[in-house]
C-alpha atoms as a PDB file:
ATOM      1  CA  MET A   1      92.100 -55.399  38.681  1.00  0.00           C
ATOM      2  CA  SER A   2      90.209 -56.032  41.907  1.00  0.00           C
ATOM      3  CA  SER A   3      86.781 -57.640  41.893  1.00  0.00           C
ATOM      4  CA  SER A   4      85.151 -54.392  43.128  1.00  0.00           C
ATOM      5  CA  LYS A   5      86.505 -52.480  40.118  1.00  0.00           C
ATOM      6  CA  LYS A   6      85.279 -55.230  37.804  1.00  0.00           C
ATOM      7  CA  ILE A   7      81.762 -54.720  39.170  1.00  0.00           C
ATOM      8  CA  TRP A   8      81.796 -50.892  39.077  1.00  0.00           C
ATOM      9  CA  VAL A   9      82.934 -50.502  35.454  1.00  0.00           C
ATOM     10  CA  PRO A  10      79.998 -52.389  33.875  1.00  0.00           C
ATOM     11  CA  LEU A  11      77.643 -50.729  36.354  1.00  0.00           C
ATOM     12  CA  VAL A  12      78.834 -47.229  35.345  1.00  0.00           C
ATOM     13  CA  VAL A  13      78.554 -48.134  31.648  1.00  0.00           C
ATOM     14  CA  PHE A  14      75.063 -49.521  32.235  1.00  0.00           C
ATOM     15  CA  LEU A  15      73.930 -46.386  34.106  1.00  0.00           C
ATOM     16  CA  PHE A  16      75.388 -44.126  31.378  1.00  0.00           C
ATOM     17  CA  LEU A  17      73.562 -46.053  28.625  1.00  0.00           C
ATOM     18  CA  ALA A  18      70.322 -46.069  30.637  1.00  0.00           C
ATOM     19  CA  GLY A  19      70.539 -42.287  31.162  1.00  0.00           C
ATOM     20  CA  ALA A  20      71.254 -41.659  27.472  1.00  0.00           C
ATOM     21  CA  SER A  21      68.333 -43.875  26.455  1.00  0.00           C
ATOM     22  CA  ALA A  22      65.959 -42.102  28.859  1.00  0.00           C
ATOM     23  CA  GLY A  23      67.112 -38.692  27.600  1.00  0.00           C
ATOM     24  CA  TYR A  24      66.548 -39.720  23.981  1.00  0.00           C
ATOM     25  CA  TYR A  25      63.092 -41.103  24.839  1.00  0.00           C
ATOM     26  CA  PHE A  26      61.921 -37.911  26.588  1.00  0.00           C
ATOM     27  CA  LEU A  27      63.375 -35.669  23.862  1.00  0.00           C
ATOM     28  CA  HIS A  28      61.630 -37.758  21.202  1.00  0.00           C
ATOM     29  CA  GLN A  29      58.310 -37.617  23.108  1.00  0.00           C
ATOM     30  CA  PHE A  30      58.611 -33.811  23.497  1.00  0.00           C
ATOM     31  CA  THR A  31      59.227 -33.406  19.744  1.00  0.00           C
ATOM     32  CA  LEU A  32      56.227 -35.590  18.874  1.00  0.00           C
ATOM     33  CA  GLU A  33      53.965 -33.656  21.274  1.00  0.00           C
ATOM     34  CA  LYS A  34      55.130 -30.349  19.811  1.00  0.00           C
ATOM     35  CA  GLN A  35      54.427 -31.573  16.262  1.00  0.00           C
ATOM     36  CA  ALA A  36      50.989 -32.855  17.287  1.00  0.00           C
ATOM     37  CA  SER A  37      50.191 -29.536  18.957  1.00  0.00           C
ATOM     38  CA  SER A  38      51.260 -27.633  15.851  1.00  0.00           C
ATOM     39  CA  ALA A  39      49.155 -29.884  13.598  1.00  0.00           C
ATOM     40  CA  ALA A  40      46.138 -29.482  15.892  1.00  0.00           C
ATOM     41  CA  GLN A  41      46.515 -25.703  15.794  1.00  0.00           C
ATOM     42  CA  GLN A  42      46.573 -25.804  11.986  1.00  0.00           C
ATOM     43  CA  ASP A  43      43.475 -28.033  11.951  1.00  0.00           C
ATOM     44  CA  LEU A  44      41.628 -25.661  14.249  1.00  0.00           C
ATOM     45  CA  GLY A  45      42.573 -22.641  12.172  1.00  0.00           C
ATOM     46  CA  GLN A  46      45.253 -20.025  12.239  1.00  0.00           C
ATOM     47  CA  GLY A  47      45.889 -17.784  15.209  1.00  0.00           C
ATOM     48  CA  PRO A  48      44.858 -14.131  15.251  1.00  0.00           C
ATOM     49  CA  GLU A  49      48.337 -13.049  14.186  1.00  0.00           C
ATOM     50  CA  ASP A  50      47.880 -15.012  10.929  1.00  0.00           C
ATOM     51  CA  PHE A  51      45.005 -12.806   9.765  1.00  0.00           C
ATOM     52  CA  PHE A  52      45.020  -9.392   8.190  1.00  0.00           C
ATOM     53  CA  THR A  53      42.368  -6.833   7.342  1.00  0.00           C
ATOM     54  CA  LEU A  54      41.215  -6.027   3.809  1.00  0.00           C
ATOM     55  CA  ARG A  55      39.645  -2.655   3.050  1.00  0.00           C
ATOM     56  CA  LEU A  56      36.772  -3.101   0.586  1.00  0.00           C
ATOM     57  CA  TYR A  57      34.659  -0.347  -0.955  1.00  0.00           C
ATOM     58  CA  TYR A  58      31.147  -1.437  -1.877  1.00  0.00           C
ATOM     59  CA  PRO A  59      28.617   0.574  -3.851  1.00  0.00           C
ATOM     60  CA  GLU A  60      25.619   1.168  -1.606  1.00  0.00           C
ATOM     61  CA  ASN A  61      22.902   3.843  -1.566  1.00  0.00           C
ATOM     62  CA  ASN A  62      24.553   5.861  -4.363  1.00  0.00           C
ATOM     63  CA  ARG A  63      27.924   6.019  -2.601  1.00  0.00           C
ATOM     64  CA  LEU A  64      30.830   3.785  -1.594  1.00  0.00           C
ATOM     65  CA  GLN A  65      30.704   2.096   1.775  1.00  0.00           C
ATOM     66  CA  LEU A  66      33.981   0.974   3.417  1.00  0.00           C
ATOM     67  CA  VAL A  67      33.836  -2.555   4.835  1.00  0.00           C
ATOM     68  CA  GLU A  68      36.798  -4.194   6.554  1.00  0.00           C
ATOM     69  CA  ARG A  69      37.176  -7.964   6.381  1.00  0.00           C
ATOM     70  CA  ARG A  70      39.660 -10.195   8.175  1.00  0.00           C
ATOM     71  CA  VAL A  71      41.056 -12.915   5.947  1.00  0.00           C
ATOM     72  CA  ALA A  72      43.752 -15.543   6.352  1.00  0.00           C
ATOM     73  CA  GLY A  73      47.217 -14.020   6.280  1.00  0.00           C
ATOM     74  CA  ARG A  74      48.823 -13.547   2.891  1.00  0.00           C
ATOM     75  CA  THR A  75      52.031 -11.724   2.131  1.00  0.00           C
ATOM     76  CA  ARG A  76      52.540 -11.960  -1.618  1.00  0.00           C
ATOM     77  CA  GLN A  77      50.898  -9.132  -3.565  1.00  0.00           C
ATOM     78  CA  ARG A  78      49.302 -11.612  -5.991  1.00  0.00           C
ATOM     79  CA  ALA A  79      47.691 -13.499  -3.112  1.00  0.00           C
ATOM     80  CA  ILE A  80      46.404 -10.251  -1.585  1.00  0.00           C
ATOM     81  CA  ALA A  81      44.950  -9.183  -4.958  1.00  0.00           C
ATOM     82  CA  ASP A  82      43.234 -12.579  -5.255  1.00  0.00           C
ATOM     83  CA  ALA A  83      41.738 -12.108  -1.783  1.00  0.00           C
ATOM     84  CA  VAL A  84      40.508  -8.579  -2.596  1.00  0.00           C
ATOM     85  CA  ILE A  85      38.743  -9.748  -5.774  1.00  0.00           C
ATOM     86  CA  GLU A  86      37.267 -12.811  -4.068  1.00  0.00           C
ATOM     87  CA  GLU A  87      35.927 -10.819  -1.123  1.00  0.00           C
ATOM     88  CA  PHE A  88      34.733  -7.903  -3.278  1.00  0.00           C
ATOM     89  CA  PHE A  89      32.559 -10.118  -5.473  1.00  0.00           C
ATOM     90  CA  LYS A  90      31.000 -11.783  -2.431  1.00  0.00           C
ATOM     91  CA  GLY A  91      29.225  -8.456  -1.956  1.00  0.00           C
ATOM     92  CA  PRO A  92      28.726  -6.581   1.304  1.00  0.00           C
ATOM     93  CA  GLY A  93      27.065  -9.596   2.909  1.00  0.00           C
ATOM     94  CA  ASP A  94      24.838  -7.509   5.179  1.00  0.00           C
ATOM     95  CA  GLY A  95      21.567  -8.149   3.368  1.00  0.00           C
ATOM     96  CA  THR A  96      21.574  -4.819   1.511  1.00  0.00           C
ATOM     97  CA  VAL A  97      20.836  -4.648  -2.199  1.00  0.00           C
ATOM     98  CA  SER A  98      24.112  -4.260  -4.060  1.00  0.00           C
ATOM     99  CA  PRO A  99      24.974  -3.800  -7.743  1.00  0.00           C
ATOM    100  CA  VAL A 100      27.935  -6.172  -7.306  1.00  0.00           C
ATOM    101  CA  PRO A 101      27.264  -8.970  -9.850  1.00  0.00           C
ATOM    102  CA  ARG A 102      27.145 -12.551  -8.634  1.00  0.00           C
ATOM    103  CA  ASP A 103      29.303 -15.512  -9.729  1.00  0.00           C
ATOM    104  CA  VAL A 104      32.141 -13.379 -11.117  1.00  0.00           C
ATOM    105  CA  LYS A 105      35.365 -15.377 -11.411  1.00  0.00           C
ATOM    106  CA  LEU A 106      38.912 -14.070 -11.498  1.00  0.00           C
ATOM    107  CA  LEU A 107      40.604 -15.438 -14.631  1.00  0.00           C
ATOM    108  CA  GLY A 108      43.960 -13.712 -14.285  1.00  0.00           C
ATOM    109  CA  LEU A 109      46.028 -10.896 -12.812  1.00  0.00           C
ATOM    110  CA  TYR A 110      48.937  -9.217 -14.586  1.00  0.00           C
ATOM    111  CA  LYS A 111      51.016  -6.151 -13.742  1.00  0.00           C
ATOM    112  CA  ASP A 112      52.999  -4.274 -16.376  1.00  0.00           C
ATOM    113  CA  SER A 113      56.108  -2.100 -16.064  1.00  0.00           C
ATOM    114  CA  SER A 114      53.917   0.988 -15.566  1.00  0.00           C
ATOM    115  CA  GLN A 115      52.473  -0.592 -12.396  1.00  0.00           C
ATOM    116  CA  ILE A 116      49.069  -1.038 -14.037  1.00  0.00           C
ATOM    117  CA  LEU A 117      47.265  -4.079 -12.662  1.00  0.00           C
ATOM    118  CA  TYR A 118      45.237  -5.931 -15.313  1.00  0.00           C
ATOM    119  CA  VAL A 119      42.277  -7.737 -13.775  1.00  0.00           C
ATOM    120  CA  ASP A 120      40.800 -10.373 -16.077  1.00  0.00           C
ATOM    121  CA  LEU A 121      37.247 -11.258 -15.002  1.00  0.00           C
ATOM    122  CA  SER A 122      34.685 -13.720 -16.299  1.00  0.00           C
ATOM    123  CA  ASP A 123      31.776 -12.500 -18.406  1.00  0.00           C
ATOM    124  CA  GLU A 124      29.433 -12.776 -15.396  1.00  0.00           C
ATOM    125  CA  ILE A 125      30.536  -9.274 -14.449  1.00  0.00           C
ATOM    126  CA  ARG A 126      28.777  -8.012 -17.569  1.00  0.00           C
ATOM    127  CA  ARG A 127      25.947 -10.550 -17.899  1.00  0.00           C
ATOM    128  CA  ASN A 128      24.922 -10.366 -14.226  1.00  0.00           C
ATOM    129  CA  PHE A 129      25.304  -6.619 -13.790  1.00  0.00           C
ATOM    130  CA  GLN A 130      21.979  -4.872 -13.214  1.00  0.00           C
ATOM    131  CA  GLY A 131      22.026  -1.182 -12.560  1.00  0.00           C
ATOM    132  CA  ASP A 132      22.034   2.330 -13.968  1.00  0.00           C
ATOM    133  CA  ALA A 133      24.967   4.535 -14.906  1.00  0.00           C
ATOM    134  CA  LEU A 134      25.704   5.529 -11.303  1.00  0.00           C
ATOM    135  CA  ALA A 135      25.639   1.901 -10.126  1.00  0.00           C
ATOM    136  CA  GLU A 136      28.065   0.948 -12.898  1.00  0.00           C
ATOM    137  CA  TYR A 137      30.377   3.837 -12.031  1.00  0.00           C
ATOM    138  CA  LEU A 138      30.340   3.018  -8.296  1.00  0.00           C
ATOM    139  CA  LEU A 139      30.962  -0.679  -8.975  1.00  0.00           C
ATOM    140  CA  LEU A 140      34.117   0.128 -10.951  1.00  0.00           C
ATOM    141  CA  LYS A 141      35.212   2.812  -8.491  1.00  0.00           C
ATOM    142  CA  GLY A 142      34.703   0.394  -5.599  1.00  0.00           C
ATOM    143  CA  LEU A 143      36.772  -2.290  -7.332  1.00  0.00           C
ATOM    144  CA  TYR A 144      39.515   0.232  -8.100  1.00  0.00           C
ATOM    145  CA  GLU A 145      39.618   1.658  -4.555  1.00  0.00           C
ATOM    146  CA  SER A 146      39.576  -1.821  -2.993  1.00  0.00           C
ATOM    147  CA  LEU A 147      42.608  -2.928  -5.009  1.00  0.00           C
ATOM    148  CA  ILE A 148      44.591   0.307  -4.685  1.00  0.00           C
ATOM    149  CA  SER A 149      44.088   0.572  -0.923  1.00  0.00           C
ATOM    150  CA  ASN A 150      45.316  -2.977  -0.258  1.00  0.00           C
ATOM    151  CA  LEU A 151      48.177  -3.345  -2.737  1.00  0.00           C
ATOM    152  CA  GLN A 152      51.578  -1.706  -2.848  1.00  0.00           C
ATOM    153  CA  ASP A 153      53.143  -0.473  -6.072  1.00  0.00           C
ATOM    154  CA  VAL A 154      49.902  -0.499  -8.074  1.00  0.00           C
ATOM    155  CA  GLN A 155      49.250   2.821  -9.784  1.00  0.00           C
ATOM    156  CA  ASP A 156      46.177   1.953 -11.836  1.00  0.00           C
ATOM    157  CA  VAL A 157      43.736  -0.860 -12.630  1.00  0.00           C
ATOM    158  CA  LYS A 158      42.574  -2.065 -16.042  1.00  0.00           C
ATOM    159  CA  VAL A 159      39.573  -4.376 -16.283  1.00  0.00           C
ATOM    160  CA  LEU A 160      39.508  -7.101 -18.930  1.00  0.00           C
ATOM    161  CA  ILE A 161      36.589  -9.430 -19.581  1.00  0.00           C
ATOM    162  CA  GLU A 162      37.419 -12.960 -20.724  1.00  0.00           C
ATOM    163  CA  GLY A 163      40.925 -11.792 -21.606  1.00  0.00           C
ATOM    164  CA  LYS A 164      39.777  -8.939 -23.861  1.00  0.00           C
ATOM    165  CA  GLU A 165      39.146  -5.217 -23.611  1.00  0.00           C
ATOM    166  CA  ALA A 166      35.461  -4.368 -23.294  1.00  0.00           C
ATOM    167  CA  GLU A 167      33.545  -1.203 -24.138  1.00  0.00           C
ATOM    168  CA  SER A 168      31.662  -1.184 -20.832  1.00  0.00           C
ATOM    169  CA  LEU A 169      29.715  -3.312 -18.387  1.00  0.00           C
ATOM    170  CA  GLY A 170      26.270  -1.819 -18.810  1.00  0.00           C
ATOM    171  CA  GLY A 171      26.744   0.738 -21.562  1.00  0.00           C
ATOM    172  CA  HIS A 172      27.482   3.738 -19.327  1.00  0.00           C
ATOM    173  CA  VAL A 173      31.131   3.773 -18.256  1.00  0.00           C
ATOM    174  CA  TYR A 174      33.903   3.342 -20.813  1.00  0.00           C
ATOM    175  CA  LEU A 175      36.345   0.512 -20.041  1.00  0.00           C
ATOM    176  CA  LYS A 176      38.921   0.880 -22.819  1.00  0.00           C
ATOM    177  CA  TYR A 177      41.262   2.803 -20.499  1.00  0.00           C
ATOM    178  CA  PRO A 178      42.566   2.081 -16.992  1.00  0.00           C
ATOM    179  CA  LEU A 179      40.187   3.152 -14.235  1.00  0.00           C
ATOM    180  CA  LYS A 180      42.128   5.824 -12.354  1.00  0.00           C
ATOM    181  CA  ASN A 181      41.016   8.847 -14.391  1.00  0.00           C
ATOM    182  CA  THR A 182      37.545   7.445 -15.014  1.00  0.00           C
ATOM    183  CA  VAL A 183      36.737   6.964 -11.332  1.00  0.00           C
ATOM    184  CA  ALA A 184      38.358  10.265 -10.365  1.00  0.00           C
ATOM    185  CA  TYR A 185      35.600  11.961 -12.341  1.00  0.00           C
ATOM    186  CA  ASP A 186      32.793  13.183 -10.063  1.00  0.00           C
ATOM    187  CA  PHE A 187      30.071  11.185 -11.758  1.00  0.00           C
ATOM    188  CA  THR A 188      26.515  11.830 -10.611  1.00  0.00           C
ATOM    189  CA  GLY A 189      24.742   9.525 -13.030  1.00  0.00           C
ATOM    190  CA  ASP A 190      23.186  12.369 -15.037  1.00  0.00           C
ATOM    191  CA  GLU A 191      25.771  12.421 -17.786  1.00  0.00           C
ATOM    192  CA  ARG A 192      28.518  10.345 -19.379  1.00  0.00           C
ATOM    193  CA  PRO A 193      32.177  11.341 -19.110  1.00  0.00           C
ATOM    194  CA  THR A 194      33.644  12.991 -22.182  1.00  0.00           C
ATOM    195  CA  ASP A 195      36.524  11.379 -24.097  1.00  0.00           C
ATOM    196  CA  ALA A 196      38.976  13.811 -22.453  1.00  0.00           C
ATOM    197  CA  GLU A 197      37.723  12.912 -18.970  1.00  0.00           C
ATOM    198  CA  LYS A 198      37.881   9.222 -19.779  1.00  0.00           C
ATOM    199  CA  ARG A 199      41.575   9.559 -20.473  1.00  0.00           C
END
């Protein structure tokens, strides 16, 4: 082997190793920058595509008022139901007087084979409720409509308080049955639904 070949072989090997090392370095730096950018985006909040709109029905001025709220994206039905309850019990948030009780906590959500969603709420819904028969009716109707309009495969809603069936919130609207037929009744506040209408 000539002396020129002896020089070129190590030089080619050296250049190959140097190129491979530089490529690895730049690839590694690009990956780190991408991860840092992703982490920064998460710290700053999610992008607009990661939000979705909840439809909430609040009792206001003797009727239901539709309010749309954007919340962080959720795909599982349980997570969406949690978001609906959480946002509903925040109240309309526009300074208007609302019969929505304060400090109500969600204790559990269960769905049976009949697609009835059981919503277990803390006793604050009863203790902190202040309103007449119409306010009580609209509160329950608003809760029902808010859940039904945001959830798939839910046919009815049953309210439990501290894990148990309750007669009513304020003594006007019967809670022993799921809400669908109760809130379908055109209640004006002048009378109580009959047993047949409650069913």
